[in-house]
C-alpha atoms as a PDB file:
ATOM      1  CA  MET A   1       0.089  -0.067  -0.164  1.00  0.00           C
ATOM      2  CA  ASN A   2       1.319   3.561  -0.661  1.00  0.00           C
ATOM      3  CA  THR A   3       2.160   5.666   2.096  1.00  0.00           C
ATOM      4  CA  THR A   4      -1.160   7.988   2.313  1.00  0.00           C
ATOM      5  CA  THR A   5      -3.075   4.669   2.444  1.00  0.00           C
ATOM      6  CA  ARG A   6      -1.056   2.967   5.089  1.00  0.00           C
ATOM      7  CA  HIS A   7      -1.582   6.581   7.046  1.00  0.00           C
ATOM      8  CA  LEU A   8      -5.345   6.322   6.574  1.00  0.00           C
ATOM      9  CA  PHE A   9      -5.507   2.785   7.762  1.00  0.00           C
ATOM     10  CA  PHE A  10      -3.746   3.538  10.980  1.00  0.00           C
ATOM     11  CA  LEU A  11      -5.348   6.817  11.858  1.00  0.00           C
ATOM     12  CA  ARG A  12      -8.506   4.917  11.199  1.00  0.00           C
ATOM     13  CA  GLU A  13      -7.590   2.301  13.574  1.00  0.00           C
ATOM     14  CA  ALA A  14      -6.614   5.175  16.009  1.00  0.00           C
ATOM     15  CA  LEU A  15      -9.987   6.590  15.454  1.00  0.00           C
ATOM     16  CA  LYS A  16     -11.514   3.011  16.499  1.00  0.00           C
ATOM     17  CA  GLU A  17      -9.653   3.691  19.965  1.00  0.00           C
ATOM     18  CA  ALA A  18     -11.509   7.562  19.967  1.00  0.00           C
ATOM     19  CA  ARG A  19     -14.559   6.139  19.341  1.00  0.00           C
ATOM     20  CA  LYS A  20     -14.245   3.205  22.372  1.00  0.00           C
ATOM     21  CA  GLY A  21     -13.246   6.217  24.689  1.00  0.00           C
ATOM     22  CA  LEU A  22     -16.458   7.747  23.787  1.00  0.00           C
ATOM     23  CA  ARG A  23     -18.375   4.822  24.490  1.00  0.00           C
ATOM     24  CA  GLU A  24     -16.649   4.433  27.588  1.00  0.00           C
ATOM     25  CA  GLY A  25     -17.906   7.654  28.811  1.00  0.00           C
ATOM     26  CA  GLY A  26     -14.516   9.504  28.325  1.00  0.00           C
ATOM     27  CA  ILE A  27     -12.699  11.752  26.007  1.00  0.00           C
ATOM     28  CA  PRO A  28     -12.312  10.597  22.440  1.00  0.00           C
ATOM     29  CA  ILE A  29      -8.810  11.287  21.291  1.00  0.00           C
ATOM     30  CA  GLY A  30      -7.116   7.683  20.316  1.00  0.00           C
ATOM     31  CA  ALA A  31      -3.889   6.337  19.434  1.00  0.00           C
ATOM     32  CA  VAL A  32      -1.982   3.641  18.043  1.00  0.00           C
ATOM     33  CA  LEU A  33       1.836   2.952  17.907  1.00  0.00           C
ATOM     34  CA  VAL A  34       2.982   0.718  14.810  1.00  0.00           C
ATOM     35  CA  LYS A  35       6.208  -0.758  14.501  1.00  0.00           C
ATOM     36  CA  GLY A  36       6.455  -1.662  10.389  1.00  0.00           C
ATOM     37  CA  ASP A  37       3.575  -2.788   9.253  1.00  0.00           C
ATOM     38  CA  ARG A  38       1.950  -3.853  12.737  1.00  0.00           C
ATOM     39  CA  ILE A  39       0.256  -1.902  15.272  1.00  0.00           C
ATOM     40  CA  ILE A  40       2.067  -2.740  18.747  1.00  0.00           C
ATOM     41  CA  GLY A  41      -0.056  -0.451  20.887  1.00  0.00           C
ATOM     42  CA  ARG A  42      -3.311   0.869  21.345  1.00  0.00           C
ATOM     43  CA  GLY A  43      -4.655   3.660  23.726  1.00  0.00           C
ATOM     44  CA  HIS A  44      -7.433   6.146  24.233  1.00  0.00           C
ATOM     45  CA  ASN A  45      -7.922   8.735  26.785  1.00  0.00           C
ATOM     46  CA  ARG A  46      -8.698   7.247  30.216  1.00  0.00           C
ATOM     47  CA  ARG A  47      -8.701  10.398  32.404  1.00  0.00           C
ATOM     48  CA  VAL A  48     -11.816   9.931  33.173  1.00  0.00           C
ATOM     49  CA  GLN A  49     -12.269   6.099  33.216  1.00  0.00           C
ATOM     50  CA  ARG A  50      -9.153   5.653  35.369  1.00  0.00           C
ATOM     51  CA  THR A  51      -9.406   8.677  37.221  1.00  0.00           C
ATOM     52  CA  SER A  52      -6.382   9.529  35.895  1.00  0.00           C
ATOM     53  CA  ALA A  53      -4.298  13.052  35.478  1.00  0.00           C
ATOM     54  CA  ILE A  54      -1.948  11.486  32.672  1.00  0.00           C
ATOM     55  CA  LEU A  55      -3.810   9.057  30.832  1.00  0.00           C
ATOM     56  CA  HIS A  56      -4.096  10.357  27.447  1.00  0.00           C
ATOM     57  CA  ALA A  57      -4.120   8.516  24.411  1.00  0.00           C
ATOM     58  CA  GLU A  58      -0.608   8.780  23.479  1.00  0.00           C
ATOM     59  CA  MET A  59       0.371   7.706  26.910  1.00  0.00           C
ATOM     60  CA  ASP A  60      -1.852   4.956  27.346  1.00  0.00           C
ATOM     61  CA  CYS A  61      -0.950   3.476  23.772  1.00  0.00           C
ATOM     62  CA  LEU A  62       2.876   3.742  25.089  1.00  0.00           C
ATOM     63  CA  GLU A  63       1.921   2.128  28.217  1.00  0.00           C
ATOM     64  CA  ASN A  64       0.136  -0.519  26.492  1.00  0.00           C
ATOM     65  CA  ALA A  65       3.028  -0.919  23.883  1.00  0.00           C
ATOM     66  CA  GLY A  66       5.025  -2.223  26.846  1.00  0.00           C
ATOM     67  CA  ARG A  67       8.601  -2.234  27.517  1.00  0.00           C
ATOM     68  CA  LEU A  68      10.603  -1.397  24.557  1.00  0.00           C
ATOM     69  CA  LYS A  69      14.285  -1.260  23.629  1.00  0.00           C
ATOM     70  CA  ALA A  70      15.163   2.361  22.810  1.00  0.00           C
ATOM     71  CA  GLY A  71      16.081   1.768  19.416  1.00  0.00           C
ATOM     72  CA  GLU A  72      12.489   0.227  18.984  1.00  0.00           C
ATOM     73  CA  TYR A  73      10.748   3.421  18.984  1.00  0.00           C
ATOM     74  CA  ARG A  74      13.145   4.955  16.364  1.00  0.00           C
ATOM     75  CA  ARG A  75      11.524   2.485  14.041  1.00  0.00           C
ATOM     76  CA  CYS A  76       8.074   3.074  14.845  1.00  0.00           C
ATOM     77  CA  VAL A  77       5.428   5.750  14.068  1.00  0.00           C
ATOM     78  CA  LEU A  78       2.406   7.189  16.292  1.00  0.00           C
ATOM     79  CA  TYR A  79      -0.688   7.559  15.167  1.00  0.00           C
ATOM     80  CA  SER A  80      -3.069  10.221  16.800  1.00  0.00           C
ATOM     81  CA  THR A  81      -6.522  11.667  16.185  1.00  0.00           C
ATOM     82  CA  LEU A  82      -5.536  14.854  17.816  1.00  0.00           C
ATOM     83  CA  SER A  83      -2.446  16.856  17.884  1.00  0.00           C
ATOM     84  CA  PRO A  84      -0.462  15.764  21.021  1.00  0.00           C
ATOM     85  CA  CYS A  85      -0.035  18.111  23.624  1.00  0.00           C
ATOM     86  CA  ALA A  86       3.016  19.116  25.795  1.00  0.00           C
ATOM     87  CA  MET A  87       3.153  16.152  28.150  1.00  0.00           C
ATOM     88  CA  CYS A  88       2.520  13.516  25.315  1.00  0.00           C
ATOM     89  CA  THR A  89       5.038  15.550  23.231  1.00  0.00           C
ATOM     90  CA  GLY A  90       7.633  15.014  25.854  1.00  0.00           C
ATOM     91  CA  ALA A  91       6.932  10.932  25.982  1.00  0.00           C
ATOM     92  CA  ILE A  92       7.580  11.248  21.848  1.00  0.00           C
ATOM     93  CA  LEU A  93      10.756  13.227  22.614  1.00  0.00           C
ATOM     94  CA  LEU A  94      12.117  11.376  25.201  1.00  0.00           C
ATOM     95  CA  TYR A  95      11.872   7.743  22.920  1.00  0.00           C
ATOM     96  CA  LYS A  96      12.931   9.690  19.917  1.00  0.00           C
ATOM     97  CA  ILE A  97       9.681   8.520  18.184  1.00  0.00           C
ATOM     98  CA  PRO A  98      10.711   9.939  14.202  1.00  0.00           C
ATOM     99  CA  LEU A  99       7.442  10.301  12.565  1.00  0.00           C
ATOM    100  CA  VAL A 100       3.583  11.614  14.300  1.00  0.00           C
ATOM    101  CA  VAL A 101       0.781  10.964  12.294  1.00  0.00           C
ATOM    102  CA  ILE A 102      -2.034  13.417  13.230  1.00  0.00           C
ATOM    103  CA  GLY A 103      -6.003  13.271  12.575  1.00  0.00           C
ATOM    104  CA  GLU A 104      -6.228  16.900  13.094  1.00  0.00           C
ATOM    105  CA  ASN A 105      -4.984  20.108  15.100  1.00  0.00           C
ATOM    106  CA  ARG A 106      -7.886  22.570  14.349  1.00  0.00           C
ATOM    107  CA  THR A 107      -9.552  21.626  17.587  1.00  0.00           C
ATOM    108  CA  PHE A 108      -6.367  21.692  19.697  1.00  0.00           C
ATOM    109  CA  LYS A 109      -2.726  22.218  18.462  1.00  0.00           C
ATOM    110  CA  GLY A 110      -0.082  20.995  20.623  1.00  0.00           C
ATOM    111  CA  PRO A 111       3.624  22.019  20.417  1.00  0.00           C
ATOM    112  CA  GLU A 112       4.093  21.038  16.983  1.00  0.00           C
ATOM    113  CA  ARG A 113       6.887  23.490  16.030  1.00  0.00           C
ATOM    114  CA  TYR A 114       8.660  22.578  19.138  1.00  0.00           C
ATOM    115  CA  ALA A 115       8.464  18.964  18.235  1.00  0.00           C
ATOM    116  CA  ARG A 116       9.691  19.761  14.753  1.00  0.00           C
ATOM    117  CA  GLY A 117      12.421  21.737  16.178  1.00  0.00           C
ATOM    118  CA  CYS A 118      13.501  18.434  17.844  1.00  0.00           C
ATOM    119  CA  GLY A 119      13.307  16.280  14.759  1.00  0.00           C
ATOM    120  CA  VAL A 120      10.126  14.780  14.725  1.00  0.00           C
ATOM    121  CA  LYS A 121       8.211  14.766  11.429  1.00  0.00           C
ATOM    122  CA  LEU A 122       4.790  15.508  11.832  1.00  0.00           C
ATOM    123  CA  ILE A 123       2.062  14.902   9.309  1.00  0.00           C
ATOM    124  CA  ASN A 124      -1.317  16.473   9.682  1.00  0.00           C
ATOM    125  CA  LEU A 125      -3.783  14.406   7.556  1.00  0.00           C
ATOM    126  CA  ASP A 126      -6.729  17.369   9.049  1.00  0.00           C
ATOM    127  CA  MET A 127      -9.243  14.063   8.772  1.00  0.00           C
ATOM    128  CA  PRO A 128     -12.644  15.193   8.947  1.00  0.00           C
ATOM    129  CA  GLU A 129     -14.123  12.012  11.271  1.00  0.00           C
ATOM    130  CA  CYS A 130     -11.503  13.282  13.601  1.00  0.00           C
ATOM    131  CA  ARG A 131     -12.888  16.973  13.800  1.00  0.00           C
ATOM    132  CA  GLN A 132     -16.393  16.102  13.854  1.00  0.00           C
ATOM    133  CA  LEU A 133     -16.041  13.582  16.518  1.00  0.00           C
ATOM    134  CA  MET A 134     -14.149  16.440  18.569  1.00  0.00           C
ATOM    135  CA  ALA A 135     -16.873  19.089  17.886  1.00  0.00           C
ATOM    136  CA  ALA A 136     -19.461  17.074  18.664  1.00  0.00           C
ATOM    137  CA  PHE A 137     -17.672  15.856  21.964  1.00  0.00           C
ATOM    138  CA  ILE A 138     -16.905  19.499  22.960  1.00  0.00           C
ATOM    139  CA  LYS A 139     -20.404  20.923  22.324  1.00  0.00           C
ATOM    140  CA  THR A 140     -22.080  18.322  24.708  1.00  0.00           C
ATOM    141  CA  LYS A 141     -19.365  18.163  27.209  1.00  0.00           C
ATOM    142  CA  PRO A 142     -17.232  21.602  27.109  1.00  0.00           C
ATOM    143  CA  ALA A 143     -16.396  21.574  31.031  1.00  0.00           C
ATOM    144  CA  LEU A 144     -14.420  18.126  30.563  1.00  0.00           C
ATOM    145  CA  TRP A 145     -12.687  19.201  27.481  1.00  0.00           C
ATOM    146  CA  ASP A 146     -11.446  22.195  29.379  1.00  0.00           C
ATOM    147  CA  GLU A 147     -10.525  20.043  32.512  1.00  0.00           C
ATOM    148  CA  ASP A 148      -8.698  17.674  29.828  1.00  0.00           C
ATOM    149  CA  ILE A 149      -6.853  20.384  28.010  1.00  0.00           C
ATOM    150  CA  GLY A 150      -5.757  22.489  31.272  1.00  0.00           C
ATOM    151  CA  GLU A 151      -8.078  25.635  30.236  1.00  0.00           C
ATOM    152  CA  VAL A 152      -9.055  27.710  33.337  1.00  0.00           C
ATOM    153  CA  LYS A 153     -12.562  29.538  33.114  1.00  0.00           C
ATOM    154  CA  GLY A 154     -13.055  32.832  35.121  1.00  0.00           C
END
């Protein structure tokens, strides 16, 4: 399969994770970690489900991939339905994951410029499905969204 088809395939797998999180009552953001042609980790935002301060989709995905040797991360691609936040970008930089494919960054844009400056290649597919999922969620649960991204109102 060509590169675009490959990226769409794996991002749709991340979308499955996002929808799973929404069904569980959480925030609909999903991620998959791919090495070669195989998904080695899946995750979705579980802050609500686990009453966690840090279980964003990317963090959950990395946790579910298990312990990997440093060199293995360097041969991986992380797919996320939303632009990674500063915390998740830090994990990407720590493990030197060279490529992150993003579903969209209109809803939220993490420190993409910083990640690029540190050598991470970012590809934003700007998928309508990702934008629509987040827009519907934010409309119905704005306070939960603000809590997740650290917004302070008033």
